[in-house]
C-alpha cells in the first residue's frame, strides 16, 4: 500500500498516511480535525552507482571518442586503449 503525505491547513503539521489506491483521500487532520490537503511528494526511486547511463546512454558519443582517432598513429599509446587491454 502506498504512503501519502497530507498537510493540515489549520495546525500546519505534515503527516503520512498509508492507504489503498481505492481509498478516498483524507478530509480531516488526525490531530486537530482541520481540513487537510494531499501533497505531491518525491518518489522513493533513485539510480546509484555506475550502470547504463554512464555506459553510453548519457554520454556524448563525440566527446568519448579517442583523442587519436583518425590520426596516423591510431590508438598506440592511448590511455583508453591501454585500459582495455
Protein backbone atom coordinates (compact mmCIF):
# COMPACT_ATOMS: atom_id res chain seq x y z
CA UNK A 1 0.00 0.00 0.00
CA UNK A 2 1.31 3.46 -0.83
CA UNK A 3 2.06 6.09 1.77
CA UNK A 4 0.60 9.54 1.12
CA UNK A 5 1.60 12.86 2.68
CA UNK A 6 -1.01 15.31 3.93
CA UNK A 7 -0.74 18.85 5.27
CA UNK A 8 -3.26 20.40 7.66
CA UNK A 9 -4.42 23.93 6.77
CA UNK A 10 -5.27 24.73 10.40
CA UNK A 11 -2.36 23.47 12.51
CA UNK A 12 0.23 23.19 9.69
CA UNK A 13 1.51 19.69 10.50
CA UNK A 14 2.59 17.38 7.71
CA UNK A 15 1.90 13.70 8.26
CA UNK A 16 1.97 10.45 6.34
CA UNK A 17 -0.93 8.05 5.96
CA UNK A 18 -0.90 4.56 4.45
CA UNK A 19 -3.95 3.82 2.33
CA UNK A 20 -5.06 1.80 -0.68
CA UNK A 21 -5.29 3.30 -4.16
CA UNK A 22 -9.06 2.83 -4.00
CA UNK A 23 -9.49 4.64 -0.64
CA UNK A 24 -10.84 8.18 -0.62
CA UNK A 25 -8.32 10.89 0.36
CA UNK A 26 -8.42 12.06 3.97
CA UNK A 27 -10.57 15.11 4.64
CA UNK A 28 -9.63 15.99 8.22
CA UNK A 29 -6.48 16.22 10.33
CA UNK A 30 -5.83 13.44 12.82
CA UNK A 31 -4.54 15.96 15.40
CA UNK A 32 -6.90 18.94 15.28
CA UNK A 33 -9.70 17.92 12.91
CA UNK A 34 -8.86 20.71 10.44
CA UNK A 35 -9.04 20.47 6.65
CA UNK A 36 -6.11 18.60 5.02
CA UNK A 37 -4.59 18.64 1.57
CA UNK A 38 -2.82 15.70 -0.11
CA UNK A 39 0.73 16.66 -1.06
CA UNK A 40 2.70 15.57 -4.08
CA UNK A 41 5.92 14.10 -2.78
CA UNK A 42 9.06 12.65 -4.30
CA UNK A 43 9.12 9.01 -5.16
CA UNK A 44 11.41 6.55 -3.47
CA UNK A 45 13.31 5.66 -6.64
CA UNK A 46 16.91 6.60 -7.36
CA UNK A 47 19.69 5.31 -9.56
CA UNK A 48 23.02 4.99 -7.75
CA UNK A 49 26.48 4.00 -8.87
CA UNK A 50 27.57 3.11 -12.38
CA UNK A 51 25.36 1.48 -14.89
CA UNK A 52 23.51 2.03 -18.10
CA UNK A 53 23.56 5.83 -18.00
CA UNK A 54 27.33 6.13 -17.58
CA UNK A 55 28.00 3.40 -20.12
CA UNK A 56 26.68 5.08 -23.20
CA UNK A 57 23.15 6.44 -22.95
CA UNK A 58 24.01 9.70 -21.22
CA UNK A 59 27.48 10.15 -22.68
CA UNK A 60 28.14 12.35 -25.67
CA UNK A 61 29.45 9.93 -28.30
CA UNK A 62 31.80 12.50 -29.87
CA UNK A 63 33.26 13.52 -26.51
CA UNK A 64 34.08 9.93 -25.58
CA UNK A 65 35.94 9.17 -28.83
CA UNK A 66 39.64 8.56 -28.58
CA UNK A 67 41.76 11.68 -29.00
CA UNK A 68 43.99 9.95 -31.54
CA UNK A 69 41.13 8.65 -33.68
CA UNK A 70 41.76 9.45 -37.32
CA UNK A 71 45.48 10.13 -36.82
CA UNK A 72 48.21 8.02 -38.40
CA UNK A 73 49.34 6.52 -35.08
CA UNK A 74 45.87 5.07 -34.33
CA UNK A 75 45.37 4.03 -30.74
CA UNK A 76 49.01 3.34 -29.94
CA UNK A 77 49.83 4.98 -26.63
CA UNK A 78 46.23 5.98 -25.97
CA UNK A 79 45.32 5.68 -22.26
CA UNK A 80 41.85 4.42 -23.18
CA UNK A 81 43.29 1.63 -25.33
CA UNK A 82 45.75 0.65 -22.57
CA UNK A 83 42.92 0.40 -20.04
CA UNK A 84 41.01 -2.03 -22.29
CA UNK A 85 43.90 -4.49 -22.67
